[in-house]
Protein backbone atom coordinates (compact mmCIF):
# COMPACT_ATOMS: atom_id res chain seq x y z
CA MET A 1 -5.57 -40.85 -18.13
CA SER A 2 -5.17 -37.40 -16.56
CA LYS A 3 -5.62 -34.46 -18.85
CA ASP A 4 -3.69 -32.21 -16.49
CA SER A 5 -0.73 -30.28 -17.92
CA VAL A 6 2.23 -29.76 -15.63
CA TYR A 7 4.52 -26.73 -15.69
CA ASP A 8 6.97 -25.15 -13.32
CA TYR A 9 5.26 -21.75 -13.56
CA VAL A 10 1.68 -20.91 -14.50
CA ILE A 11 1.33 -17.20 -15.31
CA VAL A 12 -2.20 -15.78 -15.46
CA GLY A 13 -2.47 -12.70 -17.71
CA ALA A 14 -0.32 -11.56 -20.64
CA GLY A 15 -0.26 -7.84 -19.88
CA SER A 16 2.74 -5.66 -19.17
CA ALA A 17 3.86 -7.83 -16.23
CA GLY A 18 2.90 -11.24 -17.59
CA CYS A 19 4.88 -10.73 -20.81
CA VAL A 20 7.98 -9.80 -18.82
CA LEU A 21 7.66 -12.84 -16.55
CA ALA A 22 7.02 -15.30 -19.39
CA ALA A 23 10.08 -14.08 -21.27
CA ARG A 24 12.43 -13.88 -18.30
CA LEU A 25 11.46 -17.15 -16.59
CA SER A 26 11.60 -19.13 -19.84
CA GLU A 27 15.19 -17.99 -20.39
CA ASP A 28 16.07 -21.02 -18.27
CA PRO A 29 15.57 -24.01 -20.60
CA ALA A 30 15.26 -26.31 -17.58
CA VAL A 31 11.86 -24.89 -16.58
CA ARG A 32 8.48 -25.12 -18.29
CA VAL A 33 6.30 -21.99 -18.38
CA VAL A 34 2.72 -21.48 -19.51
CA LEU A 35 1.22 -18.01 -20.04
CA VAL A 36 -2.58 -18.01 -19.96
CA GLU A 37 -4.34 -15.03 -21.57
CA SER A 38 -8.12 -14.52 -21.66
CA GLY A 39 -8.09 -12.32 -24.76
CA PRO A 40 -7.18 -12.96 -28.40
CA ARG A 41 -3.80 -12.58 -30.08
CA ASP A 42 -2.69 -9.02 -30.84
CA ARG A 43 -3.15 -9.14 -34.60
CA LYS A 44 -5.55 -6.23 -35.16
CA PRO A 45 -3.89 -3.55 -37.35
CA GLU A 46 -5.07 -0.70 -35.11
CA ILE A 47 -2.81 -2.03 -32.35
CA ARG A 48 0.24 -1.10 -34.43
CA MET A 49 -1.03 2.38 -35.39
CA PRO A 50 -0.37 4.73 -32.42
CA ALA A 51 -3.09 7.31 -33.08
CA ALA A 52 -5.72 4.59 -33.57
CA PHE A 53 -5.80 3.33 -29.99
CA PRO A 54 -9.33 4.68 -29.27
CA LYS A 55 -10.61 2.44 -32.08
CA LEU A 56 -9.73 -0.54 -29.88
CA PHE A 57 -11.96 0.61 -27.04
CA LYS A 58 -15.20 -1.34 -26.57
CA THR A 59 -14.01 -4.11 -28.91
CA ARG A 60 -13.03 -7.70 -28.11
CA TYR A 61 -9.56 -6.35 -27.27
CA ASP A 62 -10.98 -4.38 -24.34
CA TRP A 63 -12.48 -5.64 -21.07
CA ASP A 64 -14.91 -2.69 -21.31
CA TYR A 65 -15.41 -2.23 -17.58
CA SER A 66 -17.63 0.33 -15.87
CA THR A 67 -17.39 1.69 -12.36
CA THR A 68 -20.17 1.84 -9.85
CA LYS A 69 -22.02 5.16 -9.61
CA GLN A 70 -19.60 7.73 -8.21
CA SER A 71 -21.31 9.88 -5.60
CA ALA A 72 -18.72 12.66 -5.87
CA LEU A 73 -18.98 12.72 -9.70
CA GLY A 74 -22.69 13.39 -9.95
CA GLY A 75 -23.65 9.72 -9.72
CA ARG A 76 -21.93 8.88 -13.01
CA GLU A 77 -20.72 5.40 -13.95
CA LEU A 78 -17.34 5.79 -15.66
CA TYR A 79 -16.05 3.68 -18.53
CA TRP A 80 -12.77 1.87 -17.78
CA PRO A 81 -11.01 0.35 -20.80
CA ARG A 82 -8.42 -2.35 -20.03
CA GLY A 83 -6.39 -4.38 -22.50
CA HIS A 84 -7.77 -7.84 -23.32
CA THR A 85 -5.11 -9.26 -25.65
CA LEU A 86 -1.44 -10.17 -25.67
CA GLY A 87 0.36 -7.15 -24.24
CA GLY A 88 -2.68 -6.21 -22.16
CA SER A 89 -3.11 -2.48 -21.76
CA SER A 90 0.31 -1.88 -23.34
CA SER A 91 -1.44 -2.83 -26.60
CA LEU A 92 -4.17 -0.19 -26.09
CA ASN A 93 -2.50 2.65 -24.21
CA ALA A 94 -0.98 5.96 -25.31
CA MET A 95 2.53 4.42 -25.13
CA MET A 96 3.89 6.98 -22.65
CA TRP A 97 7.07 5.73 -20.95
CA VAL A 98 7.14 7.61 -17.64
CA ARG A 99 9.04 6.11 -14.73
CA GLY A 100 7.62 8.51 -12.16
CA HIS A 101 9.22 10.55 -9.40
CA ARG A 102 11.96 9.39 -7.04
CA ASP A 103 9.64 9.98 -4.07
CA ASP A 104 7.14 7.44 -5.46
CA TYR A 105 9.55 4.55 -5.05
CA ASP A 106 11.04 5.79 -1.81
CA ALA A 107 7.47 5.60 -0.48
CA TRP A 108 7.32 2.01 -1.76
CA GLY A 109 10.56 1.42 0.13
CA GLU A 110 9.00 2.69 3.33
CA ALA A 111 6.06 0.32 2.84
CA ALA A 112 7.87 -2.79 1.62
CA GLY A 113 11.57 -2.37 2.39
CA PRO A 114 14.60 -0.64 0.84
CA GLU A 115 14.75 -3.12 -2.03
CA TRP A 116 11.75 -1.25 -3.50
CA SER A 117 13.29 2.24 -3.20
CA TYR A 118 14.12 4.40 -6.20
CA GLU A 119 17.83 3.57 -6.34
CA ALA A 120 17.06 -0.13 -6.03
CA LEU A 121 14.56 -0.04 -8.94
CA VAL A 122 16.61 2.00 -11.44
CA PRO A 123 18.51 -1.10 -12.69
CA TYR A 124 15.22 -2.78 -13.55
CA PHE A 125 14.05 0.19 -15.61
CA ARG A 126 17.39 0.12 -17.42
CA ARG A 127 17.05 -3.61 -18.04
CA ALA A 128 13.80 -2.96 -19.92
CA GLU A 129 14.76 0.12 -21.92
CA ARG A 130 16.19 0.61 -25.41
CA TRP A 131 16.35 4.35 -26.08
CA THR A 132 16.62 5.27 -29.73
CA GLY A 133 16.62 8.30 -31.97
CA GLY A 134 17.36 10.82 -29.24
CA LEU A 135 14.58 13.01 -27.94
CA GLY A 136 14.89 15.75 -30.49
CA GLY A 137 12.13 17.89 -31.93
CA ALA A 138 10.15 20.74 -30.38
CA GLY A 139 13.21 21.86 -28.45
CA ALA A 140 13.79 18.71 -26.43
CA ARG A 141 17.07 16.80 -26.27
CA ARG A 142 18.08 13.13 -26.09
CA PRO A 143 18.77 11.52 -22.72
CA PRO A 144 22.25 12.11 -21.30
CA GLY A 145 24.76 9.64 -22.68
CA VAL A 146 22.36 8.03 -25.17
CA ALA A 147 23.39 8.50 -28.76
CA GLY A 148 20.85 9.35 -31.40
CA VAL A 149 20.99 5.99 -33.13
CA ALA A 150 19.09 2.82 -32.41
CA GLY A 151 20.56 0.77 -29.62
CA ALA A 152 23.62 2.95 -29.13
CA ALA A 153 25.19 2.44 -25.74
CA GLY A 154 25.71 5.53 -23.62
CA THR A 155 27.96 6.47 -20.75
CA ASP A 156 25.19 7.47 -18.35
CA SER A 157 23.98 4.51 -16.32
CA VAL A 158 20.53 6.00 -15.70
CA TYR A 159 19.09 4.98 -19.09
CA GLY A 160 19.02 1.56 -20.70
CA SER A 161 20.14 0.97 -24.27
CA GLU A 162 19.97 -2.81 -24.73
CA GLY A 163 16.55 -3.72 -23.33
CA PRO A 164 13.57 -5.20 -25.17
CA LEU A 165 11.31 -2.12 -25.03
CA TRP A 166 12.04 0.52 -27.65
CA ILE A 167 11.55 4.11 -26.52
CA SER A 168 11.68 7.08 -28.86
CA PRO A 169 10.50 10.67 -29.14
CA PRO A 170 7.32 11.51 -31.05
CA ARG A 171 8.14 10.95 -34.70
CA ALA A 172 6.04 13.78 -36.10
CA ALA A 173 5.30 16.18 -33.24
CA ASN A 174 2.51 18.61 -34.10
CA PRO A 175 3.30 22.36 -34.37
CA ALA A 176 0.78 23.02 -31.60
CA THR A 177 2.83 20.72 -29.38
CA ALA A 178 5.89 22.89 -29.95
CA ALA A 179 3.76 25.88 -28.94
CA PHE A 180 2.75 24.12 -25.71
CA LEU A 181 6.42 23.59 -24.85
CA ASP A 182 7.06 27.28 -25.57
CA ALA A 183 4.16 28.18 -23.27
CA CYS A 184 5.77 26.14 -20.50
CA ARG A 185 9.05 28.01 -21.03
CA GLU A 186 7.25 31.35 -20.90
CA ALA A 187 5.64 30.31 -17.62
CA GLY A 188 9.06 29.65 -16.11
CA LEU A 189 8.64 25.89 -15.79
CA ARG A 190 11.77 23.77 -15.71
CA GLU A 191 12.75 22.33 -19.09
CA LEU A 192 13.72 18.72 -18.59
CA THR A 193 16.61 17.21 -20.48
CA GLU A 194 14.54 14.04 -20.43
CA LEU A 195 11.24 13.23 -18.80
CA ASN A 196 12.57 10.30 -16.77
CA GLU A 197 14.94 12.20 -14.54
CA PRO A 198 14.67 11.27 -10.83
CA ASP A 199 12.80 14.54 -10.21
CA HIS A 200 10.54 15.04 -13.22
CA SER A 201 9.17 18.41 -12.10
CA GLY A 202 9.03 20.30 -15.38
CA PHE A 203 8.06 19.77 -19.01
CA ALA A 204 9.20 17.72 -22.00
CA LEU A 205 8.11 15.82 -25.05
CA THR A 206 6.65 12.44 -24.19
CA PRO A 207 8.94 9.41 -24.64
CA VAL A 208 6.86 6.68 -26.29
CA ASN A 209 7.05 2.91 -26.75
CA GLN A 210 7.44 2.93 -30.50
CA ARG A 211 9.78 1.46 -33.07
CA ARG A 212 9.95 3.13 -36.47
CA GLY A 213 6.70 4.92 -35.78
CA ARG A 214 4.75 1.83 -34.72
CA ARG A 215 3.55 0.77 -31.27
CA TRP A 216 5.97 -1.43 -29.37
CA SER A 217 4.02 -3.23 -26.65
CA ALA A 218 5.22 -5.55 -23.91
CA ALA A 219 4.18 -8.42 -26.19
CA ASP A 220 6.36 -7.02 -28.98
CA GLY A 221 9.36 -6.50 -26.75
CA TYR A 222 9.25 -9.51 -24.46
CA LEU A 223 6.88 -12.18 -25.69
CA LYS A 224 7.48 -12.36 -29.43
CA PRO A 225 11.23 -13.00 -29.18
CA ALA A 226 10.54 -15.71 -26.57
CA ARG A 227 7.54 -17.44 -28.12
CA ARG A 228 9.58 -19.94 -30.16
CA ARG A 229 11.17 -21.41 -27.05
CA ARG A 230 10.08 -25.00 -26.60
CA ASN A 231 9.68 -24.51 -22.85
CA LEU A 232 7.18 -21.62 -23.19
CA HIS A 233 3.53 -22.25 -24.05
CA ILE A 234 1.21 -19.31 -24.75
CA LEU A 235 -2.53 -19.91 -24.48
CA THR A 236 -4.96 -17.25 -25.73
CA GLU A 237 -8.74 -17.00 -25.34
CA ALA A 238 -8.38 -19.12 -22.20
CA ARG A 239 -10.15 -17.47 -19.26
CA VAL A 240 -8.88 -18.68 -15.89
CA ARG A 241 -11.91 -19.46 -13.76
CA ARG A 242 -10.36 -20.31 -10.40
CA LEU A 243 -7.27 -21.28 -8.49
CA GLU A 244 -6.86 -24.93 -7.51
CA PHE A 245 -5.79 -25.51 -3.90
CA ASP A 246 -4.08 -28.35 -2.09
CA GLY A 247 -4.67 -27.25 1.48
CA THR A 248 -3.19 -23.75 1.65
CA ARG A 249 -0.92 -24.38 -1.32
CA VAL A 250 -2.04 -23.16 -4.75
CA ALA A 251 -1.51 -26.15 -7.00
CA GLY A 252 -2.68 -24.73 -10.33
CA VAL A 253 -5.61 -23.19 -12.20
CA ILE A 254 -8.71 -24.14 -14.16
CA ALA A 255 -9.15 -22.30 -17.48
CA ASP A 256 -11.80 -22.29 -20.21
CA GLY A 257 -10.91 -24.32 -23.26
CA VAL A 258 -8.09 -26.14 -21.48
CA PRO A 259 -8.69 -29.82 -20.71
CA GLY A 260 -7.90 -30.73 -17.13
CA ARG A 261 -5.89 -28.49 -14.85
CA LEU A 262 -2.78 -26.41 -15.41
CA ILE A 263 -0.57 -27.63 -12.58
CA ALA A 264 2.31 -25.54 -11.22
CA ARG A 265 5.21 -27.47 -9.70
CA ARG A 266 6.70 -24.26 -8.34
CA GLU A 267 4.31 -21.30 -8.46
CA VAL A 268 1.17 -19.78 -9.87
CA ILE A 269 1.72 -16.11 -10.66
CA LEU A 270 -1.23 -13.73 -11.02
CA SER A 271 -0.58 -10.94 -13.51
CA ALA A 272 -4.18 -10.20 -14.40
CA GLY A 273 -4.04 -6.54 -13.34
CA ALA A 274 -5.56 -4.36 -10.65
CA ILE A 275 -9.06 -5.65 -11.45
CA GLY A 276 -8.43 -9.19 -12.67
CA SER A 277 -6.03 -10.34 -9.96
CA PRO A 278 -8.24 -9.47 -6.96
CA GLN A 279 -11.30 -10.74 -8.81
CA LEU A 280 -9.71 -14.15 -9.36
CA LEU A 281 -8.55 -14.32 -5.76
CA GLN A 282 -12.03 -13.48 -4.51
CA ALA A 283 -13.65 -15.99 -6.87
CA SER A 284 -11.30 -18.61 -5.42
CA GLY A 285 -12.29 -17.79 -1.84
CA VAL A 286 -9.40 -15.50 -0.93
CA GLY A 287 -10.46 -12.11 0.39
CA ASP A 288 -12.59 -10.41 3.01
CA PRO A 289 -14.84 -13.17 4.43
CA ASP A 290 -17.83 -10.81 4.74
CA ASP A 291 -17.52 -9.65 1.11
CA LEU A 292 -17.16 -13.22 -0.09
CA SER A 293 -20.13 -14.51 1.88
CA LYS A 294 -22.36 -11.70 0.64
CA ALA A 295 -21.45 -12.68 -2.93
CA GLY A 296 -22.21 -16.36 -2.32
CA ILE A 297 -18.54 -17.39 -2.26
CA GLU A 298 -17.28 -19.78 0.40
CA PRO A 299 -14.31 -18.16 2.15
CA ARG A 300 -11.13 -20.22 2.04
CA ILE A 301 -8.37 -17.80 3.06
CA ALA A 302 -9.13 -14.62 5.03
CA SER A 303 -7.29 -11.75 3.39
CA PRO A 304 -9.35 -8.59 4.06
CA GLY A 305 -7.07 -6.33 1.99
CA VAL A 306 -7.80 -8.06 -1.31
CA GLY A 307 -9.55 -5.54 -3.55
CA ARG A 308 -9.00 -2.60 -1.20
CA HIS A 309 -6.66 0.41 -1.54
CA LEU A 310 -7.73 0.94 -5.16
CA GLN A 311 -6.25 4.13 -6.56
CA ASP A 312 -6.47 5.68 -10.02
CA HIS A 313 -5.54 8.91 -11.75
CA LEU A 314 -8.58 11.11 -12.38
CA SER A 315 -8.33 13.54 -15.29
CA TYR A 316 -10.26 16.61 -16.42
CA VAL A 317 -9.69 17.94 -19.95
CA VAL A 318 -9.43 21.62 -20.83
CA THR A 319 -10.34 21.78 -24.51
CA MET A 320 -9.99 24.79 -26.81
CA ARG A 321 -10.96 25.41 -30.39
CA CYS A 322 -8.03 25.81 -32.77
CA PRO A 323 -8.35 28.36 -35.59
CA GLN A 324 -5.63 26.66 -37.63
CA PRO A 325 -6.27 23.32 -39.42
CA VAL A 326 -3.07 21.75 -38.11
CA THR A 327 -4.37 19.39 -35.42
CA LEU A 328 -5.01 15.64 -35.60
CA THR A 329 -8.68 16.19 -36.41
CA GLY A 330 -9.33 14.44 -39.71
CA ALA A 331 -5.78 13.02 -39.82
CA ASP A 332 -6.96 9.53 -40.81
CA THR A 333 -7.00 10.32 -44.53
CA LEU A 334 -6.04 7.72 -47.11
CA ALA A 335 -2.84 9.65 -47.77
CA ASN A 336 -1.83 9.60 -44.11
CA ILE A 337 -2.76 5.94 -43.76
CA GLY A 338 -0.50 5.26 -46.73
CA ARG A 339 2.35 7.27 -45.19
CA PHE A 340 2.03 5.24 -42.03
CA LEU A 341 1.78 1.84 -43.69
CA LEU A 342 4.64 2.45 -46.11
CA GLY A 343 7.13 4.13 -43.81
CA GLY A 344 5.80 4.59 -40.30
CA ARG A 345 5.57 8.32 -40.92
CA GLY A 346 3.05 11.11 -40.56
CA PRO A 347 0.45 12.19 -38.00
CA LEU A 348 -0.86 8.67 -37.36
CA THR A 349 2.39 7.92 -35.52
CA SER A 350 1.20 10.35 -32.83
CA ASN A 351 0.41 8.88 -29.42
CA VAL A 352 -2.00 11.86 -29.00
CA GLY A 353 -0.43 12.89 -25.65
CA GLU A 354 2.68 14.37 -27.26
CA ALA A 355 4.02 16.51 -24.39
CA VAL A 356 3.64 16.75 -20.63
CA ALA A 357 4.37 19.04 -17.70
CA PHE A 358 4.58 17.87 -14.10
CA ILE A 359 3.80 20.76 -11.76
CA LYS A 360 3.27 21.59 -8.10
CA THR A 361 0.12 23.49 -7.19
CA ARG A 362 1.74 24.63 -3.92
CA PRO A 363 5.37 25.74 -3.55
CA ALA A 364 5.79 23.79 -0.31
CA LEU A 365 5.32 20.44 -2.08
CA ALA A 366 8.39 18.25 -2.51
CA ALA A 367 7.11 16.66 -5.73
CA PRO A 368 4.46 17.38 -8.39
CA ASP A 369 0.80 16.79 -7.62
CA ILE A 370 -0.57 17.57 -11.11
CA GLU A 371 0.34 16.38 -14.59
CA LEU A 372 -0.63 18.40 -17.66
CA ILE A 373 -0.84 16.32 -20.84
CA PHE A 374 -0.94 18.15 -24.15
CA ALA A 375 -2.84 16.65 -27.07
CA PRO A 376 -3.05 18.42 -30.47
CA VAL A 377 -6.67 17.30 -30.89
CA PRO A 378 -9.94 17.53 -28.89
CA PHE A 379 -9.71 14.34 -26.80
CA ILE A 380 -13.23 13.95 -25.42
CA ASN A 381 -15.11 10.82 -24.34
CA HIS A 382 -11.93 8.71 -24.54
CA GLY A 383 -11.62 9.53 -28.23
CA LEU A 384 -14.61 7.31 -29.00
CA THR A 385 -16.34 10.14 -30.87
CA PRO A 386 -14.03 11.37 -33.65
CA PRO A 387 -13.77 15.17 -33.53
CA THR A 388 -15.15 17.20 -36.42
CA ASP A 389 -13.62 20.55 -35.39
CA HIS A 390 -9.98 21.41 -34.88
CA GLY A 391 -8.98 21.85 -31.27
CA ILE A 392 -6.35 21.18 -28.63
CA THR A 393 -6.53 19.58 -25.19
CA VAL A 394 -4.68 19.92 -21.92
CA GLY A 395 -5.52 17.00 -19.66
CA VAL A 396 -5.24 17.89 -15.96
CA VAL A 397 -4.34 14.77 -13.98
CA LEU A 398 -4.55 14.32 -10.21
CA LEU A 399 -1.29 12.51 -9.47
CA GLN A 400 -1.50 11.66 -5.77
CA PRO A 401 -5.17 11.19 -4.84
CA GLU A 402 -6.06 10.85 -1.20
CA SER A 403 -9.24 9.05 -2.26
CA GLU A 404 -9.24 5.26 -2.34
CA GLY A 405 -11.75 2.69 -3.55
CA ARG A 406 -12.18 -1.06 -3.79
CA ILE A 407 -13.00 -4.08 -5.93
CA THR A 408 -15.70 -6.40 -4.56
CA PRO A 409 -17.31 -9.51 -6.09
CA LYS A 410 -20.83 -9.39 -7.52
CA GLY A 411 -21.32 -13.12 -7.19
CA PRO A 412 -19.59 -16.49 -7.48
CA GLY A 413 -17.14 -17.02 -10.31
CA VAL A 414 -15.60 -14.58 -12.77
CA GLY A 415 -18.38 -14.64 -15.34
CA SER A 416 -19.35 -11.03 -14.65
CA ALA A 417 -17.24 -8.01 -13.83
CA PRO A 418 -16.81 -7.19 -10.14
CA TYR A 419 -18.03 -4.00 -8.53
CA ILE A 420 -15.40 -1.35 -9.30
CA ASP A 421 -15.63 1.61 -6.94
CA PRO A 422 -12.63 3.97 -7.29
CA GLY A 423 -14.08 6.38 -4.71
CA TYR A 424 -13.13 9.35 -6.88
CA LEU A 425 -13.01 12.73 -5.07
CA THR A 426 -14.30 11.27 -1.80
CA ALA A 427 -11.38 13.06 -0.14
CA GLU A 428 -12.18 16.79 -0.29
CA ALA A 429 -8.55 17.80 -0.86
CA ASP A 430 -8.54 16.04 -4.25
CA LEU A 431 -11.10 18.40 -5.76
CA SER A 432 -9.25 21.55 -4.65
CA THR A 433 -6.03 20.18 -6.15
CA LEU A 434 -7.76 19.51 -9.47
CA VAL A 435 -9.24 23.02 -9.49
CA ALA A 436 -5.75 24.46 -8.91
CA GLY A 437 -4.41 22.30 -11.73
CA VAL A 438 -7.06 23.52 -14.15
CA ARG A 439 -6.13 27.11 -13.31
CA ARG A 440 -2.52 26.39 -14.25
CA ALA A 441 -3.65 24.86 -17.55
CA GLU A 442 -5.78 27.92 -18.28
CA GLU A 443 -2.78 30.19 -17.65
CA LEU A 444 -0.68 28.28 -20.18
CA LEU A 445 -3.47 28.35 -22.76
CA ALA A 446 -3.93 32.10 -22.28
CA GLY A 447 -0.27 32.89 -22.91
CA ARG A 448 1.41 34.30 -26.00
CA ALA A 449 2.84 31.01 -27.28
CA LEU A 450 -0.50 29.24 -27.64
CA ALA A 451 -2.50 32.29 -28.77
CA PRO A 452 -2.32 31.28 -32.46
CA TYR A 453 -3.82 27.90 -31.59
CA THR A 454 -6.71 28.89 -29.32
CA ALA A 455 -10.07 30.42 -30.21
CA GLY A 456 -12.30 29.95 -27.19
CA PRO A 457 -13.38 26.95 -25.13
CA MET A 458 -14.76 23.74 -26.54
CA GLY A 459 -17.20 21.64 -24.50
CA PRO A 460 -17.35 20.16 -21.98
CA HIS A 461 -14.92 22.80 -20.67
CA PRO A 462 -16.92 26.01 -20.05
CA GLY A 463 -14.01 28.41 -20.25
CA THR A 464 -12.83 30.54 -17.34
CA VAL A 465 -15.50 30.42 -14.64
CA ASP A 466 -15.50 30.84 -10.86
CA ASP A 467 -14.31 28.03 -8.60
CA THR A 468 -17.82 26.88 -7.71
CA VAL A 469 -18.84 26.39 -11.34
CA LEU A 470 -15.48 24.83 -12.21
CA ALA A 471 -15.75 22.35 -9.33
CA ARG A 472 -19.22 21.37 -10.51
CA THR A 473 -17.91 20.93 -14.07
CA ILE A 474 -15.01 18.78 -12.87
CA ARG A 475 -17.44 16.53 -11.00
CA GLY A 476 -19.56 16.21 -14.13
CA ALA A 477 -16.84 15.65 -16.73
CA SER A 478 -13.74 14.02 -15.19
CA GLU A 479 -12.70 10.59 -16.45
CA THR A 480 -10.12 7.92 -15.69
CA LEU A 481 -6.57 8.16 -17.02
CA TYR A 482 -6.50 4.34 -17.05
CA HIS A 483 -4.09 3.71 -14.15
CA PRO A 484 -5.74 1.52 -11.48
CA VAL A 485 -3.32 0.14 -8.86
CA GLY A 486 -3.08 -1.09 -5.29
CA THR A 487 -5.72 -3.81 -4.92
CA CYS A 488 -3.24 -6.50 -3.79
CA ARG A 489 -0.98 -4.07 -1.96
CA MET A 490 2.50 -5.26 -1.00
CA GLY A 491 4.09 -4.30 2.29
CA SER A 492 6.01 -5.37 5.35
CA ASP A 493 2.94 -5.05 7.58
CA GLU A 494 0.65 -7.98 8.26
CA GLY A 495 -2.30 -6.06 6.80
CA SER A 496 -0.77 -6.07 3.31
CA VAL A 497 -2.04 -8.64 0.80
CA THR A 498 1.41 -9.51 -0.54
CA ASP A 499 4.76 -9.49 1.22
CA PRO A 500 7.87 -7.64 -0.08
CA GLU A 501 8.63 -10.61 -2.35
CA LEU A 502 5.09 -10.40 -3.78
CA ARG A 503 3.99 -13.70 -2.21
CA LEU A 504 0.36 -13.79 -1.11
CA ARG A 505 0.11 -13.92 2.66
CA GLY A 506 -1.66 -16.97 4.05
CA VAL A 507 -0.96 -19.31 1.12
CA THR A 508 2.07 -20.87 -0.54
CA ALA A 509 3.17 -21.15 -4.17
CA LEU A 510 1.18 -18.05 -5.18
CA ARG A 511 2.58 -14.68 -6.13
CA VAL A 512 0.97 -11.52 -7.53
CA VAL A 513 3.01 -9.50 -10.02
CA ASP A 514 1.23 -6.54 -11.62
CA ALA A 515 0.08 -2.99 -10.80
CA SER A 516 -2.21 -4.32 -8.08
CA VAL A 517 0.75 -4.75 -5.69
CA MET A 518 1.83 -1.10 -5.82
CA PRO A 519 1.60 0.36 -2.29
CA ARG A 520 0.93 3.81 -3.73
CA ILE A 521 0.15 5.15 -7.19
CA THR A 522 3.09 6.75 -9.01
CA ARG A 523 3.31 10.30 -10.32
CA GLY A 524 3.08 9.40 -13.97
CA HIS A 525 1.92 6.48 -16.05
CA THR A 526 1.86 2.92 -14.79
CA HIS A 527 3.23 0.86 -17.70
CA ALA A 528 6.91 1.59 -17.01
CA PRO A 529 6.65 0.96 -13.23
CA THR A 530 4.79 -2.31 -13.89
CA VAL A 531 7.49 -3.51 -16.27
CA ALA A 532 10.27 -2.64 -13.79
CA LEU A 533 8.33 -4.34 -11.01
CA ALA A 534 7.99 -7.49 -13.12
CA GLU A 535 11.68 -7.46 -14.01
CA LYS A 536 12.48 -7.42 -10.30
CA ALA A 537 9.87 -10.11 -9.58
CA ALA A 538 11.44 -12.43 -12.15
CA GLU A 539 14.71 -12.08 -10.28
CA LEU A 540 12.99 -12.80 -6.93
CA ILE A 541 11.29 -15.88 -8.38
CA ARG A 542 14.52 -17.28 -9.80
CA ALA A 543 16.28 -16.66 -6.48
CA ASP A 544 13.54 -18.58 -4.66
CA ALA A 545 13.94 -21.51 -7.04
CA ARG A 546 17.66 -21.73 -6.25
CA ARG A 547 17.10 -22.01 -2.49
């Protein structure tokens, strides 16, 4: 007897996109859906505690990737955490809900058609969102038309109020965060009513995916309400090893711990992320034939763009000592743990990146090219080393890198991580933009508003130095902001990996739905765009099934 299991849809990866797809597709009781996740269930307590996310890094909940040596970063290999559990990186991230700038999606529209433009995508953001509690505190205001109570419907159609993902302001914003917002006002930056306006040039508190002070991941919002459906099966700790082909049709997948094959009557959907999706394609013989042959993989489908066009946000942190003991350093006391556990209150509800400013380093720019993220704590080495001194951080983020990299296989199968080469700062313009961004951060930190909270630089930042020394420091200390995209780029051109409906060119019954299909990285954080993209994909998939 066959041990194969037959479903209508086989979804690979339970990250931000996979959770959306599993929930939306299983709304139809006539279809059978299986969601296959390589990592464990999301039961670790640190997942719920916002400020504890660095404690999940380099654990079984993290893929714990490393890049290749980066020639423009002093030959360093950079650590890349990625979520390895239900919810994917939405279970490990800083919970920042940032749609991005209108121009980001209009650029997608130019690459893949008007159905991917900003106006076309707004309804999918709204479908996901449930704004609650207003955006009060530290001088910010709630979104237009959204009342300050949970789930209240508003009159402004820009923001969602009934979706599965709760979004709220920081519950206990630090006093240093309020000072950062004051510094932005003093500098003449635009104060945003809400960070997710179509043009987010300006500053605001960070909207976060939290409910009552606790993390609210894609698994919390989408998967958990759906998991009791009889037509949805969720498999964890089941690593998909390869795609199964019937000619050029993808018939299903082979996964560890699963007897037989997982057969898809309609489609296999890859939602394994900007690293996992191209890696699985390459391991299955889909990619650049030369890359595959060098890795000992027999080419099956020539798709040279698989793994290419990798983009990520590079970040350099400006850290300053704080003379006042008000920061998050040492916040994990028993008293604060108790406050969090009993009522979802206190400093452990902080997402660390409590406020942001999106700025232009040149007046002629139409949209921001730098993001400044304020953290009321020294955030160094990904937070893996708990700080002992009080300090504050302004992360300077390169929003629109010209540099691109690629994912290539090391060898047959998916048993080892692929080569991850982001190509950081290989375009000379990227370094000059980062230098200009650091100068803007230094100006804010030197102003009157933040004076009570600064007492000289804290390493690795050397303080105010000339451009040559600063450039060298940036090369030696910059790190990822955890936003890889683009490795299965969608587009209308034949060179794109996926078409505008996210179907993989050259095969049938296979779609890619995750950050890897983004034609261009967004000016912000990639969780919200990935969720909106998946909401739209679910609609495309259902429409295909009706044809």
